[in-house]
Amino acid sequence: MMNRAVRIMPCLDMQQGRVVKGVHFVDIRDAGDPVECAGAYCAAGADELALLDITATVENRPTMLDVVRRVAAETTIPFTVGGGIAGMDIAQAVLDAGADKVSVSSAAFRNPDLISEMVARFGSDRVTVAIDVDRNPAMPSGYEVYIDGGRTATGSDAVAFARTMADCGAGCILPTSKAGDGARTGYDLPIIRKICEVVSVPVVASGGAGTLEHFYEAVQAGAAILLAASVFHFHLIDIPELKAYLRSKGVMVL
């Protein structure tokens, strides 16, 4: 078991300025106002927040800075913003709007040097690389990188790409399994383990949490940050309950 506290990170997937949640990246339904959700999660004891503009990249636009500003005014914990961060200028604008970190996905794959440049300017602790993955037995690790909000297969191995991003200086790796996303059947533990084996930076468990046990399994697989959306949004699991459970299993939490 790791000797540092595991962090709990609710994820606010945004579409047209609203928090939404889907299953396997589709079947989207409304889950509330992002500012209200952010405030509620701060009050509930979340350690970090993720704010992801899930259609920014495919709509070829930057993330919604007005929403970032309003969330920043409401939050009392660090928050990461992703979606549509395709270059240095928008990354700078997102941080200037109040975000603590940026999360880069498709642009990191298309231009890995962008991550090195961001790390040089902002510091590694402010740069997360998000990697959408799906199982593909043709890949050396059994997992393939997807881009464009999980829509486009790349033919590239997910674990090798994660290692490349860590070598570029990314301070955190956030893999999300397409198979697990929103399904509440458990995190895709093999991809967490495989990435943890090749990088020394924190790895986020993302995609599939449905029970308290799923979170504990992710910690055992090596995850340093536990991200979830629907179970928190719809109060299937509340953060104080999750933290109490993890403590009962001997996991350090904040």
Protein backbone atom coordinates (compact mmCIF):
# COMPACT_ATOMS: atom_id res chain seq x y z
CA MET A 1 0.00 0.00 0.00
CA MET A 2 1.28 3.47 -0.86
CA ASN A 3 2.64 5.66 1.95
CA ARG A 4 0.90 8.86 0.84
CA ALA A 5 -2.74 9.86 1.09
CA VAL A 6 -4.99 8.86 -1.78
CA ARG A 7 -6.97 11.79 -3.20
CA ILE A 8 -10.64 11.78 -4.20
CA MET A 9 -11.44 13.65 -7.43
CA PRO A 10 -15.01 14.11 -8.65
CA CYS A 11 -15.11 14.76 -12.40
CA LEU A 12 -17.41 17.33 -13.97
CA ASP A 13 -17.83 16.43 -17.64
CA MET A 14 -19.22 19.52 -19.37
CA GLN A 15 -21.24 19.91 -22.53
CA GLN A 16 -22.74 23.27 -23.55
CA GLY A 17 -21.96 24.67 -20.11
CA ARG A 18 -23.74 21.92 -18.15
CA VAL A 19 -22.40 18.94 -16.22
CA VAL A 20 -23.32 15.73 -18.03
CA LYS A 21 -22.60 12.04 -17.68
CA GLY A 22 -22.60 9.30 -20.26
CA VAL A 23 -21.90 5.59 -20.56
CA HIS A 24 -18.98 4.44 -22.74
CA PHE A 25 -18.61 8.10 -23.86
CA VAL A 26 -22.19 8.20 -25.25
CA ASP A 27 -25.81 8.25 -23.93
CA ILE A 28 -25.27 11.65 -22.29
CA ARG A 29 -27.63 12.95 -19.60
CA ASP A 30 -27.71 16.16 -17.57
CA ALA A 31 -26.19 16.19 -14.09
CA GLY A 32 -26.39 19.84 -13.05
CA ASP A 33 -24.73 23.25 -13.06
CA PRO A 34 -20.90 23.11 -12.88
CA VAL A 35 -20.57 25.94 -10.36
CA GLU A 36 -23.17 24.45 -8.04
CA CYS A 37 -21.60 21.00 -8.39
CA ALA A 38 -18.12 22.36 -7.67
CA GLY A 39 -19.29 24.10 -4.52
CA ALA A 40 -21.11 21.02 -3.31
CA TYR A 41 -18.05 18.82 -3.81
CA CYS A 42 -15.82 21.25 -1.93
CA ALA A 43 -18.27 21.15 0.97
CA ALA A 44 -18.43 17.34 0.81
CA GLY A 45 -14.69 16.93 1.29
CA ALA A 46 -13.38 16.31 -2.23
CA ASP A 47 -9.60 16.72 -2.49
CA GLU A 48 -9.47 17.85 -6.11
CA LEU A 49 -11.86 18.48 -8.99
CA ALA A 50 -11.64 17.72 -12.70
CA LEU A 51 -13.54 19.90 -15.16
CA LEU A 52 -13.58 18.42 -18.65
CA ASP A 53 -15.18 20.11 -21.67
CA ILE A 54 -15.90 16.85 -23.43
CA THR A 55 -16.84 18.22 -26.87
CA ALA A 56 -14.31 21.06 -27.19
CA THR A 57 -11.80 19.05 -29.23
CA VAL A 58 -14.27 17.55 -31.72
CA GLU A 59 -15.95 20.96 -32.08
CA ASN A 60 -12.50 22.48 -32.74
CA ARG A 61 -12.81 25.16 -30.06
CA PRO A 62 -11.08 26.02 -26.79
CA THR A 63 -12.56 25.14 -23.42
CA MET A 64 -15.18 27.50 -21.98
CA LEU A 65 -13.16 30.05 -20.03
CA ASP A 66 -16.21 31.73 -18.53
CA VAL A 67 -17.15 28.47 -16.83
CA VAL A 68 -13.58 28.01 -15.61
CA ARG A 69 -13.66 31.48 -14.06
CA ARG A 70 -16.97 30.85 -12.32
CA VAL A 71 -15.84 27.47 -10.99
CA ALA A 72 -12.55 28.99 -9.81
CA ALA A 73 -14.48 31.58 -7.83
CA GLU A 74 -16.44 28.83 -6.08
CA THR A 75 -13.80 26.19 -5.36
CA THR A 76 -11.55 25.89 -2.34
CA ILE A 77 -9.58 22.89 -3.64
CA PRO A 78 -7.27 22.39 -6.64
CA PHE A 79 -9.00 21.78 -9.95
CA THR A 80 -7.83 20.49 -13.29
CA VAL A 81 -9.33 21.65 -16.59
CA GLY A 82 -9.26 19.66 -19.80
CA GLY A 83 -10.90 19.66 -23.21
CA GLY A 84 -9.82 21.74 -26.17
CA ILE A 85 -6.39 22.57 -24.75
CA ALA A 86 -4.53 22.34 -28.03
CA GLY A 87 -1.69 24.79 -27.49
CA MET A 88 0.26 26.98 -25.11
CA ASP A 89 -2.01 30.01 -25.45
CA ILE A 90 -5.20 28.26 -24.36
CA ALA A 91 -3.33 26.44 -21.57
CA GLN A 92 -2.09 29.79 -20.30
CA ALA A 93 -5.60 31.26 -20.58
CA VAL A 94 -7.11 28.37 -18.60
CA LEU A 95 -4.55 28.76 -15.82
CA ASP A 96 -5.05 32.53 -15.85
CA ALA A 97 -8.79 31.92 -15.50
CA GLY A 98 -8.13 30.19 -12.19
CA ALA A 99 -7.45 26.53 -12.93
CA ASP A 100 -4.64 24.91 -10.96
CA LYS A 101 -3.75 22.38 -13.65
CA VAL A 102 -4.41 21.65 -17.30
CA SER A 103 -5.23 18.23 -18.70
CA VAL A 104 -4.17 17.58 -22.29
CA SER A 105 -5.24 14.57 -24.33
CA SER A 106 -5.57 14.65 -28.12
CA ALA A 107 -3.08 17.50 -28.53
CA ALA A 108 -0.52 15.59 -26.44
CA PHE A 109 -0.79 12.64 -28.79
CA ARG A 110 -0.58 14.74 -31.93
CA ASN A 111 2.32 16.84 -30.63
CA PRO A 112 4.21 15.28 -27.68
CA ASP A 113 6.63 18.24 -27.67
CA LEU A 114 3.71 20.37 -26.48
CA ILE A 115 3.88 18.61 -23.11
CA SER A 116 7.59 19.33 -22.75
CA GLU A 117 6.90 22.99 -23.57
CA MET A 118 4.06 23.20 -21.04
CA VAL A 119 6.18 21.60 -18.34
CA ALA A 120 8.99 24.05 -19.04
CA ARG A 121 6.65 27.03 -18.71
CA PHE A 122 4.17 25.93 -16.04
CA GLY A 123 5.95 23.16 -14.10
CA SER A 124 5.21 19.44 -14.16
CA ASP A 125 2.75 19.61 -11.28
CA ARG A 126 0.40 21.74 -13.41
CA VAL A 127 0.38 19.42 -16.44
CA THR A 128 -1.72 16.24 -16.61
CA VAL A 129 -1.92 14.00 -19.66
CA ALA A 130 -5.27 12.26 -20.09
CA ILE A 131 -5.29 9.11 -22.19
CA ASP A 132 -8.52 7.53 -23.44
CA VAL A 133 -7.89 3.82 -23.92
CA ASP A 134 -9.66 0.72 -25.13
CA ARG A 135 -8.64 -2.89 -25.12
CA ASN A 136 -6.91 -4.13 -28.27
CA PRO A 137 -5.07 -7.45 -28.16
CA ALA A 138 -2.95 -6.37 -31.14
CA MET A 139 -1.18 -3.80 -28.95
CA PRO A 140 1.87 -4.90 -26.90
CA SER A 141 0.13 -3.90 -23.65
CA GLY A 142 -3.32 -4.94 -24.83
CA TYR A 143 -4.52 -1.31 -24.79
CA GLU A 144 -4.77 1.28 -27.58
CA VAL A 145 -4.79 5.09 -27.37
CA TYR A 146 -7.95 6.86 -28.56
CA ILE A 147 -8.23 10.58 -29.27
CA ASP A 148 -10.96 13.09 -30.15
CA GLY A 149 -13.00 12.34 -27.06
CA GLY A 150 -12.56 8.60 -27.46
CA ARG A 151 -13.80 8.61 -31.04
CA THR A 152 -10.62 7.97 -33.03
CA ALA A 153 -8.35 4.93 -32.74
CA THR A 154 -4.66 5.76 -33.16
CA GLY A 155 -2.96 2.40 -33.57
CA SER A 156 -0.60 3.34 -30.72
CA ASP A 157 0.03 1.42 -27.52
CA ALA A 158 -1.42 3.14 -24.45
CA VAL A 159 1.24 2.09 -21.94
CA ALA A 160 4.11 3.10 -24.22
CA PHE A 161 2.45 6.46 -24.77
CA ALA A 162 1.98 6.96 -21.03
CA ARG A 163 5.68 6.34 -20.50
CA THR A 164 6.54 8.84 -23.24
CA MET A 165 4.34 11.48 -21.61
CA ALA A 166 5.96 10.92 -18.23
CA ASP A 167 9.37 11.20 -19.89
CA CYS A 168 8.22 14.54 -21.33
CA GLY A 169 7.65 15.72 -17.77
CA ALA A 170 3.90 15.32 -17.29
CA GLY A 171 3.17 15.41 -13.57
CA CYS A 172 0.18 13.09 -13.69
CA ILE A 173 -1.23 10.43 -16.03
CA LEU A 174 -5.01 10.03 -16.29
CA PRO A 175 -6.06 6.94 -18.27
CA THR A 176 -9.79 6.45 -18.86
CA SER A 177 -11.07 3.10 -20.11
CA LYS A 178 -13.77 3.34 -22.77
CA ALA A 179 -15.05 -0.05 -21.65
CA GLY A 180 -15.47 1.13 -18.08
CA ASP A 181 -16.66 4.71 -18.60
CA GLY A 182 -19.97 5.26 -16.80
CA ALA A 183 -20.70 1.54 -16.61
CA ARG A 184 -20.16 1.26 -12.83
CA THR A 185 -18.68 -2.21 -13.29
CA GLY A 186 -15.30 -1.33 -11.81
CA TYR A 187 -12.15 0.39 -12.95
CA ASP A 188 -10.10 -1.27 -15.69
CA LEU A 189 -7.45 -2.44 -13.24
CA PRO A 190 -4.92 -3.92 -15.69
CA ILE A 191 -4.32 -0.59 -17.44
CA ILE A 192 -3.81 1.13 -14.08
CA ARG A 193 -1.28 -1.51 -13.03
CA LYS A 194 0.54 -1.48 -16.36
CA ILE A 195 0.93 2.31 -16.39
CA CYS A 196 1.96 2.41 -12.72
CA GLU A 197 4.74 -0.06 -13.57
CA VAL A 198 6.32 2.26 -16.15
CA VAL A 199 5.85 5.76 -14.69
CA SER A 200 6.88 7.30 -11.37
CA VAL A 201 4.25 10.09 -11.36
CA PRO A 202 0.74 9.78 -9.88
CA VAL A 203 -1.76 7.77 -11.92
CA VAL A 204 -5.48 8.52 -11.78
CA ALA A 205 -8.06 5.74 -11.75
CA SER A 206 -10.86 6.83 -14.09
CA GLY A 207 -13.84 5.14 -15.68
CA GLY A 208 -16.12 2.57 -14.11
CA ALA A 209 -16.44 3.15 -10.36
CA GLY A 210 -19.72 1.75 -9.07
CA THR A 211 -19.11 0.44 -5.56
CA LEU A 212 -16.91 1.25 -2.58
CA GLU A 213 -14.90 -1.88 -3.32
CA HIS A 214 -14.04 -0.61 -6.79
CA PHE A 215 -12.21 2.36 -5.30
CA TYR A 216 -10.20 0.12 -2.97
CA GLU A 217 -9.29 -2.17 -5.87
CA ALA A 218 -7.92 0.85 -7.75
CA VAL A 219 -5.74 1.80 -4.77
CA GLN A 220 -4.42 -1.75 -4.67
CA ALA A 221 -3.63 -1.47 -8.40
CA GLY A 222 -1.50 1.60 -7.68
CA ALA A 223 -3.78 4.58 -8.32
CA ALA A 224 -2.88 7.71 -6.35
CA ILE A 225 -6.04 9.64 -7.30
CA LEU A 226 -9.54 8.17 -7.50
CA LEU A 227 -11.73 9.90 -10.08
CA ALA A 228 -15.43 9.25 -10.44
CA ALA A 229 -18.48 11.05 -11.78
CA SER A 230 -21.90 9.40 -11.86
CA VAL A 231 -21.69 7.67 -8.47
CA PHE A 232 -20.96 11.06 -6.90
CA HIS A 233 -23.31 13.16 -9.05
CA PHE A 234 -26.31 10.94 -8.34
CA HIS A 235 -25.37 10.25 -4.69
CA LEU A 236 -24.93 6.52 -5.10
CA ILE A 237 -21.75 7.02 -3.05
CA ASP A 238 -20.94 10.17 -1.10
CA ILE A 239 -17.38 11.31 -0.44
CA PRO A 240 -17.47 11.12 3.39
CA GLU A 241 -18.76 7.55 3.08
CA LEU A 242 -15.99 6.67 0.63
CA LYS A 243 -13.26 8.15 2.81
CA ALA A 244 -14.55 6.32 5.89
CA TYR A 245 -14.57 3.06 3.94
CA LEU A 246 -11.04 3.55 2.64
CA ARG A 247 -9.78 4.36 6.15
CA SER A 248 -11.39 1.14 7.38
CA LYS A 249 -9.31 -0.72 4.78
CA GLY A 250 -6.10 0.92 5.97
CA VAL A 251 -5.85 3.45 3.16
CA MET A 252 -4.53 6.91 3.98
CA VAL A 253 -6.94 9.65 2.92
CA LEU A 254 -7.00 13.38 3.55
